All heavy atoms as atom14 arrays in JSON, in Angstrom:
{
  "sequence": "LYSLKTALVNHNKQSKEKIIIEIFLTDDGCTDGTVEAARNIFPN",
  "atom14_mask": [
    [1, 1, 1, 1, 1, 1, 1, 1, 0, 0, 0, 0, 0, 0],
    [1, 1, 1, 1, 1, 1, 1, 1, 1, 1, 1, 1, 0, 0],
    [1, 1, 1, 1, 1, 1, 0, 0, 0, 0, 0, 0, 0, 0],
    [1, 1, 1, 1, 1, 1, 1, 1, 0, 0, 0, 0, 0, 0],
    [1, 1, 1, 1, 1, 1, 1, 1, 1, 0, 0, 0, 0, 0],
    [1, 1, 1, 1, 1, 1, 1, 0, 0, 0, 0, 0, 0, 0],
    [1, 1, 1, 1, 1, 0, 0, 0, 0, 0, 0, 0, 0, 0],
    [1, 1, 1, 1, 1, 1, 1, 1, 0, 0, 0, 0, 0, 0],
    [1, 1, 1, 1, 1, 1, 1, 0, 0, 0, 0, 0, 0, 0],
    [1, 1, 1, 1, 1, 1, 1, 1, 0, 0, 0, 0, 0, 0],
    [1, 1, 1, 1, 1, 1, 1, 1, 1, 1, 0, 0, 0, 0],
    [1, 1, 1, 1, 1, 1, 1, 1, 0, 0, 0, 0, 0, 0],
    [1, 1, 1, 1, 1, 1, 1, 1, 1, 0, 0, 0, 0, 0],
    [1, 1, 1, 1, 1, 1, 1, 1, 1, 0, 0, 0, 0, 0],
    [1, 1, 1, 1, 1, 1, 0, 0, 0, 0, 0, 0, 0, 0],
    [1, 1, 1, 1, 1, 1, 1, 1, 1, 0, 0, 0, 0, 0],
    [1, 1, 1, 1, 1, 1, 1, 1, 1, 0, 0, 0, 0, 0],
    [1, 1, 1, 1, 1, 1, 1, 1, 1, 0, 0, 0, 0, 0],
    [1, 1, 1, 1, 1, 1, 1, 1, 0, 0, 0, 0, 0, 0],
    [1, 1, 1, 1, 1, 1, 1, 1, 0, 0, 0, 0, 0, 0],
    [1, 1, 1, 1, 1, 1, 1, 1, 0, 0, 0, 0, 0, 0],
    [1, 1, 1, 1, 1, 1, 1, 1, 1, 0, 0, 0, 0, 0],
    [1, 1, 1, 1, 1, 1, 1, 1, 0, 0, 0, 0, 0, 0],
    [1, 1, 1, 1, 1, 1, 1, 1, 1, 1, 1, 0, 0, 0],
    [1, 1, 1, 1, 1, 1, 1, 1, 0, 0, 0, 0, 0, 0],
    [1, 1, 1, 1, 1, 1, 1, 0, 0, 0, 0, 0, 0, 0],
    [1, 1, 1, 1, 1, 1, 1, 1, 0, 0, 0, 0, 0, 0],
    [1, 1, 1, 1, 1, 1, 1, 1, 0, 0, 0, 0, 0, 0],
    [1, 1, 1, 1, 0, 0, 0, 0, 0, 0, 0, 0, 0, 0],
    [1, 1, 1, 1, 1, 1, 0, 0, 0, 0, 0, 0, 0, 0],
    [1, 1, 1, 1, 1, 1, 1, 0, 0, 0, 0, 0, 0, 0],
    [1, 1, 1, 1, 1, 1, 1, 1, 0, 0, 0, 0, 0, 0],
    [1, 1, 1, 1, 0, 0, 0, 0, 0, 0, 0, 0, 0, 0],
    [1, 1, 1, 1, 1, 1, 1, 0, 0, 0, 0, 0, 0, 0],
    [1, 1, 1, 1, 1, 1, 1, 0, 0, 0, 0, 0, 0, 0],
    [1, 1, 1, 1, 1, 1, 1, 1, 1, 0, 0, 0, 0, 0],
    [1, 1, 1, 1, 1, 0, 0, 0, 0, 0, 0, 0, 0, 0],
    [1, 1, 1, 1, 1, 0, 0, 0, 0, 0, 0, 0, 0, 0],
    [1, 1, 1, 1, 1, 1, 1, 1, 1, 1, 1, 0, 0, 0],
    [1, 1, 1, 1, 1, 1, 1, 1, 0, 0, 0, 0, 0, 0],
    [1, 1, 1, 1, 1, 1, 1, 1, 0, 0, 0, 0, 0, 0],
    [1, 1, 1, 1, 1, 1, 1, 1, 1, 1, 1, 0, 0, 0],
    [1, 1, 1, 1, 1, 1, 1, 0, 0, 0, 0, 0, 0, 0],
    [1, 1, 1, 1, 1, 1, 1, 1, 0, 0, 0, 0, 0, 0]
  ],
  "atom14_positions": [
    [[-2.95, -2.63, -1.37], [-2.79, -1.56, -0.41], [-3.84, -0.44, -0.63], [-4.32, 0.13, 0.34], [-1.37, -0.96, -0.54], [-0.25, -1.9, -0.06], [1.12, -1.28, -0.35], [-0.39, -2.19, 1.45], [0.0, 0.0, 0.0], [0.0, 0.0, 0.0], [0.0, 0.0, 0.0], [0.0, 0.0, 0.0], [0.0, 0.0, 0.0], [0.0, 0.0, 0.0]],
    [[-4.17, -0.17, -1.9], [-5.26, 0.78, -2.16], [-6.57, 0.31, -1.53], [-7.31, 1.07, -0.93], [-5.45, 0.99, -3.66], [-4.64, 2.13, -4.24], [-3.79, 1.94, -5.3], [-4.77, 3.44, -3.73], [-3.05, 2.98, -5.86], [-4.04, 4.51, -4.28], [-3.18, 4.25, -5.34], [-2.45, 5.31, -5.86], [0.0, 0.0, 0.0], [0.0, 0.0, 0.0]],
    [[-6.85, -0.98, -1.73], [-8.1, -1.52, -1.18], [-8.1, -1.51, 0.34], [-9.15, -1.3, 0.97], [-8.34, -2.93, -1.72], [-7.44, -3.88, -1.18], [0.0, 0.0, 0.0], [0.0, 0.0, 0.0], [0.0, 0.0, 0.0], [0.0, 0.0, 0.0], [0.0, 0.0, 0.0], [0.0, 0.0, 0.0], [0.0, 0.0, 0.0], [0.0, 0.0, 0.0]],
    [[-6.93, -1.74, 0.94], [-6.81, -1.65, 2.4], [-7.12, -0.24, 2.86], [-7.87, -0.05, 3.84], [-5.4, -2.05, 2.8], [-5.0, -1.81, 4.26], [-5.86, -2.65, 5.22], [-3.51, -2.13, 4.47], [0.0, 0.0, 0.0], [0.0, 0.0, 0.0], [0.0, 0.0, 0.0], [0.0, 0.0, 0.0], [0.0, 0.0, 0.0], [0.0, 0.0, 0.0]],
    [[-6.56, 0.74, 2.21], [-6.78, 2.13, 2.6], [-8.24, 2.51, 2.46], [-8.83, 3.17, 3.35], [-5.89, 3.05, 1.75], [-5.89, 4.5, 2.16], [-4.85, 5.28, 1.36], [-4.69, 6.71, 1.91], [-3.62, 7.44, 1.17], [0.0, 0.0, 0.0], [0.0, 0.0, 0.0], [0.0, 0.0, 0.0], [0.0, 0.0, 0.0], [0.0, 0.0, 0.0]],
    [[-8.85, 2.11, 1.36], [-10.27, 2.41, 1.12], [-11.16, 1.75, 2.16], [-12.08, 2.36, 2.67], [-10.67, 1.95, -0.3], [-9.82, 2.59, -1.28], [-12.13, 2.28, -0.58], [0.0, 0.0, 0.0], [0.0, 0.0, 0.0], [0.0, 0.0, 0.0], [0.0, 0.0, 0.0], [0.0, 0.0, 0.0], [0.0, 0.0, 0.0], [0.0, 0.0, 0.0]],
    [[-10.86, 0.47, 2.47], [-11.66, -0.24, 3.46], [-11.53, 0.39, 4.82], [-12.52, 0.48, 5.59], [-11.25, -1.72, 3.5], [0.0, 0.0, 0.0], [0.0, 0.0, 0.0], [0.0, 0.0, 0.0], [0.0, 0.0, 0.0], [0.0, 0.0, 0.0], [0.0, 0.0, 0.0], [0.0, 0.0, 0.0], [0.0, 0.0, 0.0], [0.0, 0.0, 0.0]],
    [[-10.33, 0.84, 5.17], [-10.1, 1.47, 6.45], [-10.9, 2.77, 6.59], [-11.58, 3.01, 7.6], [-8.62, 1.74, 6.65], [-8.23, 2.45, 7.94], [-8.47, 1.52, 9.15], [-6.74, 2.88, 7.91], [0.0, 0.0, 0.0], [0.0, 0.0, 0.0], [0.0, 0.0, 0.0], [0.0, 0.0, 0.0], [0.0, 0.0, 0.0], [0.0, 0.0, 0.0]],
    [[-10.83, 3.61, 5.55], [-11.58, 4.88, 5.56], [-13.07, 4.61, 5.67], [-13.79, 5.26, 6.44], [-11.25, 5.7, 4.3], [-12.18, 6.89, 4.19], [-9.79, 6.15, 4.31], [0.0, 0.0, 0.0], [0.0, 0.0, 0.0], [0.0, 0.0, 0.0], [0.0, 0.0, 0.0], [0.0, 0.0, 0.0], [0.0, 0.0, 0.0], [0.0, 0.0, 0.0]],
    [[-13.54, 3.63, 4.92], [-14.95, 3.28, 4.9], [-15.41, 2.83, 6.29], [-16.45, 3.25, 6.8], [-15.23, 2.19, 3.88], [-16.66, 1.75, 3.82], [-17.51, 2.44, 3.27], [-16.97, 0.59, 4.4], [0.0, 0.0, 0.0], [0.0, 0.0, 0.0], [0.0, 0.0, 0.0], [0.0, 0.0, 0.0], [0.0, 0.0, 0.0], [0.0, 0.0, 0.0]],
    [[-14.63, 1.94, 6.91], [-14.98, 1.45, 8.25], [-15.03, 2.6, 9.27], [-15.98, 2.69, 10.08], [-14.02, 0.38, 8.71], [-14.29, -0.12, 10.09], [-15.13, -1.19, 10.34], [-13.86, 0.3, 11.32], [-15.23, -1.38, 11.63], [-14.45, -0.5, 12.26], [0.0, 0.0, 0.0], [0.0, 0.0, 0.0], [0.0, 0.0, 0.0], [0.0, 0.0, 0.0]],
    [[-14.02, 3.43, 9.26], [-13.93, 4.49, 10.29], [-14.98, 5.55, 10.1], [-15.31, 6.28, 11.08], [-12.53, 5.07, 10.3], [-11.52, 4.14, 10.94], [-11.89, 3.18, 11.64], [-10.24, 4.39, 10.71], [0.0, 0.0, 0.0], [0.0, 0.0, 0.0], [0.0, 0.0, 0.0], [0.0, 0.0, 0.0], [0.0, 0.0, 0.0], [0.0, 0.0, 0.0]],
    [[-15.54, 5.67, 8.92], [-16.64, 6.61, 8.7], [-17.93, 6.07, 9.27], [-18.79, 6.84, 9.74], [-16.82, 6.86, 7.2], [-15.86, 7.85, 6.58], [-16.15, 8.06, 5.1], [-15.24, 9.09, 4.49], [-15.5, 9.26, 3.02], [0.0, 0.0, 0.0], [0.0, 0.0, 0.0], [0.0, 0.0, 0.0], [0.0, 0.0, 0.0], [0.0, 0.0, 0.0]],
    [[-18.07, 4.74, 9.27], [-19.36, 4.14, 9.64], [-19.41, 3.57, 11.04], [-20.5, 3.33, 11.59], [-19.67, 3.01, 8.63], [-19.83, 3.5, 7.2], [-20.23, 2.35, 6.25], [-20.54, 1.27, 6.69], [-20.19, 2.64, 4.96], [0.0, 0.0, 0.0], [0.0, 0.0, 0.0], [0.0, 0.0, 0.0], [0.0, 0.0, 0.0], [0.0, 0.0, 0.0]],
    [[-18.26, 3.32, 11.66], [-18.24, 2.66, 12.95], [-17.79, 3.59, 14.06], [-16.94, 4.47, 13.88], [-17.26, 1.45, 12.88], [-17.16, 0.83, 14.13], [0.0, 0.0, 0.0], [0.0, 0.0, 0.0], [0.0, 0.0, 0.0], [0.0, 0.0, 0.0], [0.0, 0.0, 0.0], [0.0, 0.0, 0.0], [0.0, 0.0, 0.0], [0.0, 0.0, 0.0]],
    [[-18.38, 3.37, 15.24], [-17.97, 4.14, 16.42], [-16.58, 3.71, 16.88], [-15.81, 4.49, 17.45], [-18.98, 3.95, 17.57], [-20.33, 4.57, 17.28], [-21.28, 4.36, 18.46], [-22.63, 4.98, 18.18], [-23.6, 4.79, 19.29], [0.0, 0.0, 0.0], [0.0, 0.0, 0.0], [0.0, 0.0, 0.0], [0.0, 0.0, 0.0], [0.0, 0.0, 0.0]],
    [[-16.26, 2.4, 16.68], [-14.94, 1.88, 17.04], [-13.99, 2.14, 15.88], [-14.11, 1.52, 14.84], [-15.0, 0.39, 17.34], [-15.71, 0.02, 18.63], [-15.63, -1.44, 18.93], [-15.73, -2.25, 17.99], [-15.47, -1.8, 20.13], [0.0, 0.0, 0.0], [0.0, 0.0, 0.0], [0.0, 0.0, 0.0], [0.0, 0.0, 0.0], [0.0, 0.0, 0.0]],
    [[-13.09, 3.05, 16.08], [-12.14, 3.39, 15.0], [-10.97, 2.4, 14.98], [-10.49, 1.96, 16.04], [-11.59, 4.79, 15.21], [-12.67, 5.86, 15.31], [-13.61, 5.89, 14.13], [-14.68, 6.96, 14.29], [-15.7, 6.88, 13.23], [0.0, 0.0, 0.0], [0.0, 0.0, 0.0], [0.0, 0.0, 0.0], [0.0, 0.0, 0.0], [0.0, 0.0, 0.0]],
    [[-10.55, 2.05, 13.78], [-9.4, 1.16, 13.61], [-8.16, 1.98, 13.3], [-8.16, 2.84, 12.41], [-9.66, 0.14, 12.5], [-10.78, -0.83, 12.91], [-8.39, -0.61, 12.12], [-11.17, -1.8, 11.83], [0.0, 0.0, 0.0], [0.0, 0.0, 0.0], [0.0, 0.0, 0.0], [0.0, 0.0, 0.0], [0.0, 0.0, 0.0], [0.0, 0.0, 0.0]],
    [[-7.11, 1.76, 14.06], [-5.81, 2.37, 13.85], [-4.85, 1.26, 13.34], [-4.72, 0.23, 13.99], [-5.23, 2.97, 15.13], [-6.28, 3.88, 15.81], [-3.95, 3.71, 14.86], [-6.69, 5.06, 14.99], [0.0, 0.0, 0.0], [0.0, 0.0, 0.0], [0.0, 0.0, 0.0], [0.0, 0.0, 0.0], [0.0, 0.0, 0.0], [0.0, 0.0, 0.0]],
    [[-4.23, 1.48, 12.2], [-3.34, 0.45, 11.63], [-1.91, 0.94, 11.53], [-1.65, 2.16, 11.42], [-3.81, -0.04, 10.24], [-3.66, 1.07, 9.19], [-5.25, -0.56, 10.3], [-3.8, 0.59, 7.76], [0.0, 0.0, 0.0], [0.0, 0.0, 0.0], [0.0, 0.0, 0.0], [0.0, 0.0, 0.0], [0.0, 0.0, 0.0], [0.0, 0.0, 0.0]],
    [[-1.01, -0.02, 11.59], [0.35, 0.2, 11.11], [0.67, -1.0, 10.22], [0.31, -2.13, 10.54], [1.35, 0.3, 12.28], [1.22, 1.58, 13.08], [2.3, 1.71, 14.16], [3.44, 1.27, 13.9], [2.01, 2.24, 15.23], [0.0, 0.0, 0.0], [0.0, 0.0, 0.0], [0.0, 0.0, 0.0], [0.0, 0.0, 0.0], [0.0, 0.0, 0.0]],
    [[1.32, -0.73, 9.1], [1.6, -1.73, 8.12], [3.06, -2.14, 8.2], [3.97, -1.27, 8.18], [1.27, -1.25, 6.7], [-0.19, -0.78, 6.62], [1.55, -2.33, 5.65], [-0.49, 0.05, 5.39], [0.0, 0.0, 0.0], [0.0, 0.0, 0.0], [0.0, 0.0, 0.0], [0.0, 0.0, 0.0], [0.0, 0.0, 0.0], [0.0, 0.0, 0.0]],
    [[3.31, -3.43, 8.27], [4.66, -3.99, 8.26], [4.82, -4.79, 6.97], [4.25, -5.88, 6.84], [4.91, -4.82, 9.49], [4.82, -4.04, 10.78], [3.59, -3.8, 11.39], [5.97, -3.5, 11.36], [3.52, -3.04, 12.55], [5.89, -2.74, 12.51], [4.66, -2.51, 13.12], [0.0, 0.0, 0.0], [0.0, 0.0, 0.0], [0.0, 0.0, 0.0]],
    [[5.54, -4.22, 6.02], [5.65, -4.79, 4.69], [7.06, -5.29, 4.45], [8.03, -4.49, 4.48], [5.29, -3.74, 3.64], [5.45, -4.14, 2.18], [4.52, -5.28, 1.78], [5.23, -2.92, 1.25], [0.0, 0.0, 0.0], [0.0, 0.0, 0.0], [0.0, 0.0, 0.0], [0.0, 0.0, 0.0], [0.0, 0.0, 0.0], [0.0, 0.0, 0.0]],
    [[7.2, -6.59, 4.25], [8.51, -7.15, 3.92], [8.78, -6.97, 2.43], [8.06, -7.49, 1.58], [8.57, -8.66, 4.24], [8.39, -8.84, 5.65], [9.93, -9.24, 3.87], [0.0, 0.0, 0.0], [0.0, 0.0, 0.0], [0.0, 0.0, 0.0], [0.0, 0.0, 0.0], [0.0, 0.0, 0.0], [0.0, 0.0, 0.0], [0.0, 0.0, 0.0]],
    [[9.81, -6.19, 2.14], [10.28, -6.02, 0.77], [11.37, -7.1, 0.55], [12.51, -6.88, 0.9], [10.86, -4.62, 0.6], [11.79, -4.49, -0.61], [11.61, -5.24, -1.57], [12.7, -3.64, -0.55], [0.0, 0.0, 0.0], [0.0, 0.0, 0.0], [0.0, 0.0, 0.0], [0.0, 0.0, 0.0], [0.0, 0.0, 0.0], [0.0, 0.0, 0.0]],
    [[10.94, -8.22, -0.04], [11.89, -9.33, -0.19], [12.63, -9.19, -1.52], [12.44, -10.02, -2.44], [11.16, -10.66, -0.11], [12.11, -11.82, 0.11], [13.24, -11.59, 0.6], [11.74, -12.97, -0.21], [0.0, 0.0, 0.0], [0.0, 0.0, 0.0], [0.0, 0.0, 0.0], [0.0, 0.0, 0.0], [0.0, 0.0, 0.0], [0.0, 0.0, 0.0]],
    [[13.44, -8.16, -1.63], [14.29, -7.98, -2.8], [13.57, -7.43, -4.02], [13.93, -7.77, -5.15], [0.0, 0.0, 0.0], [0.0, 0.0, 0.0], [0.0, 0.0, 0.0], [0.0, 0.0, 0.0], [0.0, 0.0, 0.0], [0.0, 0.0, 0.0], [0.0, 0.0, 0.0], [0.0, 0.0, 0.0], [0.0, 0.0, 0.0], [0.0, 0.0, 0.0]],
    [[12.56, -6.58, -3.82], [11.83, -6.02, -4.96], [12.74, -5.09, -5.79], [13.5, -4.29, -5.24], [10.62, -5.23, -4.49], [9.32, -6.22, -3.77], [0.0, 0.0, 0.0], [0.0, 0.0, 0.0], [0.0, 0.0, 0.0], [0.0, 0.0, 0.0], [0.0, 0.0, 0.0], [0.0, 0.0, 0.0], [0.0, 0.0, 0.0], [0.0, 0.0, 0.0]],
    [[12.59, -5.21, -7.11], [13.35, -4.36, -8.02], [12.43, -3.66, -9.02], [12.91, -3.04, -9.97], [14.4, -5.18, -8.81], [13.73, -6.24, -9.53], [15.44, -5.78, -7.88], [0.0, 0.0, 0.0], [0.0, 0.0, 0.0], [0.0, 0.0, 0.0], [0.0, 0.0, 0.0], [0.0, 0.0, 0.0], [0.0, 0.0, 0.0], [0.0, 0.0, 0.0]],
    [[11.12, -3.75, -8.8], [10.15, -3.25, -9.78], [9.44, -1.99, -9.31], [8.42, -1.61, -9.9], [9.13, -4.35, -10.12], [8.25, -4.73, -8.93], [8.61, -4.36, -7.78], [7.23, -5.38, -9.14], [0.0, 0.0, 0.0], [0.0, 0.0, 0.0], [0.0, 0.0, 0.0], [0.0, 0.0, 0.0], [0.0, 0.0, 0.0], [0.0, 0.0, 0.0]],
    [[9.92, -1.36, -8.26], [9.28, -0.14, -7.79], [8.14, -0.36, -6.83], [7.39, 0.59, -6.51], [0.0, 0.0, 0.0], [0.0, 0.0, 0.0], [0.0, 0.0, 0.0], [0.0, 0.0, 0.0], [0.0, 0.0, 0.0], [0.0, 0.0, 0.0], [0.0, 0.0, 0.0], [0.0, 0.0, 0.0], [0.0, 0.0, 0.0], [0.0, 0.0, 0.0]],
    [[7.97, -1.59, -6.31], [6.88, -1.86, -5.41], [6.94, -0.98, -4.14], [5.94, -0.44, -3.68], [6.89, -3.35, -4.98], [6.68, -4.17, -6.13], [5.79, -3.63, -3.97], [0.0, 0.0, 0.0], [0.0, 0.0, 0.0], [0.0, 0.0, 0.0], [0.0, 0.0, 0.0], [0.0, 0.0, 0.0], [0.0, 0.0, 0.0], [0.0, 0.0, 0.0]],
    [[8.13, -0.85, -3.61], [8.3, -0.08, -2.34], [7.9, 1.38, -2.56], [7.19, 1.98, -1.72], [9.73, -0.18, -1.82], [9.97, 0.77, -0.67], [10.03, -1.64, -1.41], [0.0, 0.0, 0.0], [0.0, 0.0, 0.0], [0.0, 0.0, 0.0], [0.0, 0.0, 0.0], [0.0, 0.0, 0.0], [0.0, 0.0, 0.0], [0.0, 0.0, 0.0]],
    [[8.38, 1.94, -3.64], [8.02, 3.36, -3.92], [6.53, 3.53, -4.12], [5.93, 4.51, -3.65], [8.78, 3.84, -5.18], [10.28, 3.95, -5.03], [11.0, 2.58, -5.0], [10.37, 1.57, -5.38], [12.16, 2.57, -4.6], [0.0, 0.0, 0.0], [0.0, 0.0, 0.0], [0.0, 0.0, 0.0], [0.0, 0.0, 0.0], [0.0, 0.0, 0.0]],
    [[5.91, 2.58, -4.79], [4.45, 2.64, -5.02], [3.71, 2.53, -3.68], [2.72, 3.23, -3.45], [4.01, 1.53, -5.94], [0.0, 0.0, 0.0], [0.0, 0.0, 0.0], [0.0, 0.0, 0.0], [0.0, 0.0, 0.0], [0.0, 0.0, 0.0], [0.0, 0.0, 0.0], [0.0, 0.0, 0.0], [0.0, 0.0, 0.0], [0.0, 0.0, 0.0]],
    [[4.19, 1.67, -2.78], [3.58, 1.52, -1.46], [3.66, 2.81, -0.67], [2.72, 3.23, 0.0], [4.24, 0.37, -0.7], [0.0, 0.0, 0.0], [0.0, 0.0, 0.0], [0.0, 0.0, 0.0], [0.0, 0.0, 0.0], [0.0, 0.0, 0.0], [0.0, 0.0, 0.0], [0.0, 0.0, 0.0], [0.0, 0.0, 0.0], [0.0, 0.0, 0.0]],
    [[4.81, 3.46, -0.75], [5.01, 4.73, -0.01], [4.13, 5.84, -0.56], [3.76, 6.78, 0.19], [6.49, 5.12, -0.05], [7.36, 4.27, 0.86], [8.76, 4.85, 0.99], [9.57, 4.09, 1.93], [10.76, 3.55, 1.63], [11.26, 3.68, 0.42], [11.42, 2.88, 2.57], [0.0, 0.0, 0.0], [0.0, 0.0, 0.0], [0.0, 0.0, 0.0]],
    [[3.79, 5.76, -1.85], [2.9, 6.78, -2.39], [1.48, 6.62, -1.85], [0.74, 7.59, -1.73], [2.84, 6.64, -3.94], [4.11, 7.17, -4.59], [4.78, 8.06, -4.04], [4.44, 6.69, -5.77], [0.0, 0.0, 0.0], [0.0, 0.0, 0.0], [0.0, 0.0, 0.0], [0.0, 0.0, 0.0], [0.0, 0.0, 0.0], [0.0, 0.0, 0.0]],
    [[1.11, 5.39, -1.53], [-0.24, 5.13, -0.99], [-0.29, 5.46, 0.48], [-1.26, 6.05, 0.95], [-0.64, 3.65, -1.22], [-0.6, 3.34, -2.72], [-2.01, 3.37, -0.65], [-0.71, 1.85, -3.03], [0.0, 0.0, 0.0], [0.0, 0.0, 0.0], [0.0, 0.0, 0.0], [0.0, 0.0, 0.0], [0.0, 0.0, 0.0], [0.0, 0.0, 0.0]],
    [[0.75, 5.08, 1.2], [0.85, 5.37, 2.66], [2.13, 6.15, 2.92], [3.13, 5.59, 3.32], [0.82, 4.07, 3.46], [-0.48, 3.34, 3.45], [-0.69, 2.26, 2.6], [-1.5, 3.71, 4.34], [-1.91, 1.59, 2.61], [-2.72, 3.04, 4.34], [-2.93, 1.96, 3.47], [0.0, 0.0, 0.0], [0.0, 0.0, 0.0], [0.0, 0.0, 0.0]],
    [[2.09, 7.46, 2.67], [3.31, 8.27, 2.8], [3.79, 8.5, 4.22], [4.95, 8.86, 4.45], [2.94, 9.59, 2.12], [1.44, 9.66, 2.25], [0.95, 8.24, 2.17], [0.0, 0.0, 0.0], [0.0, 0.0, 0.0], [0.0, 0.0, 0.0], [0.0, 0.0, 0.0], [0.0, 0.0, 0.0], [0.0, 0.0, 0.0], [0.0, 0.0, 0.0]],
    [[2.93, 8.28, 5.19], [3.28, 8.51, 6.58], [4.21, 7.4, 7.08], [3.79, 6.22, 7.14], [2.01, 8.57, 7.45], [2.33, 9.04, 8.86], [3.4, 8.83, 9.39], [1.34, 9.7, 9.49], [0.0, 0.0, 0.0], [0.0, 0.0, 0.0], [0.0, 0.0, 0.0], [0.0, 0.0, 0.0], [0.0, 0.0, 0.0], [0.0, 0.0, 0.0]]
  ]
}
């Protein structure tokens, strides 16, 4: 997810065509804090 965010920022800085994303993440029974970590990266 960090690499996705970095790649998105990099592309939108360099390209006239801006990419708008929405992420659909299946939390298939995570118990290790994955969801909380994901929300820290993409808080919106």
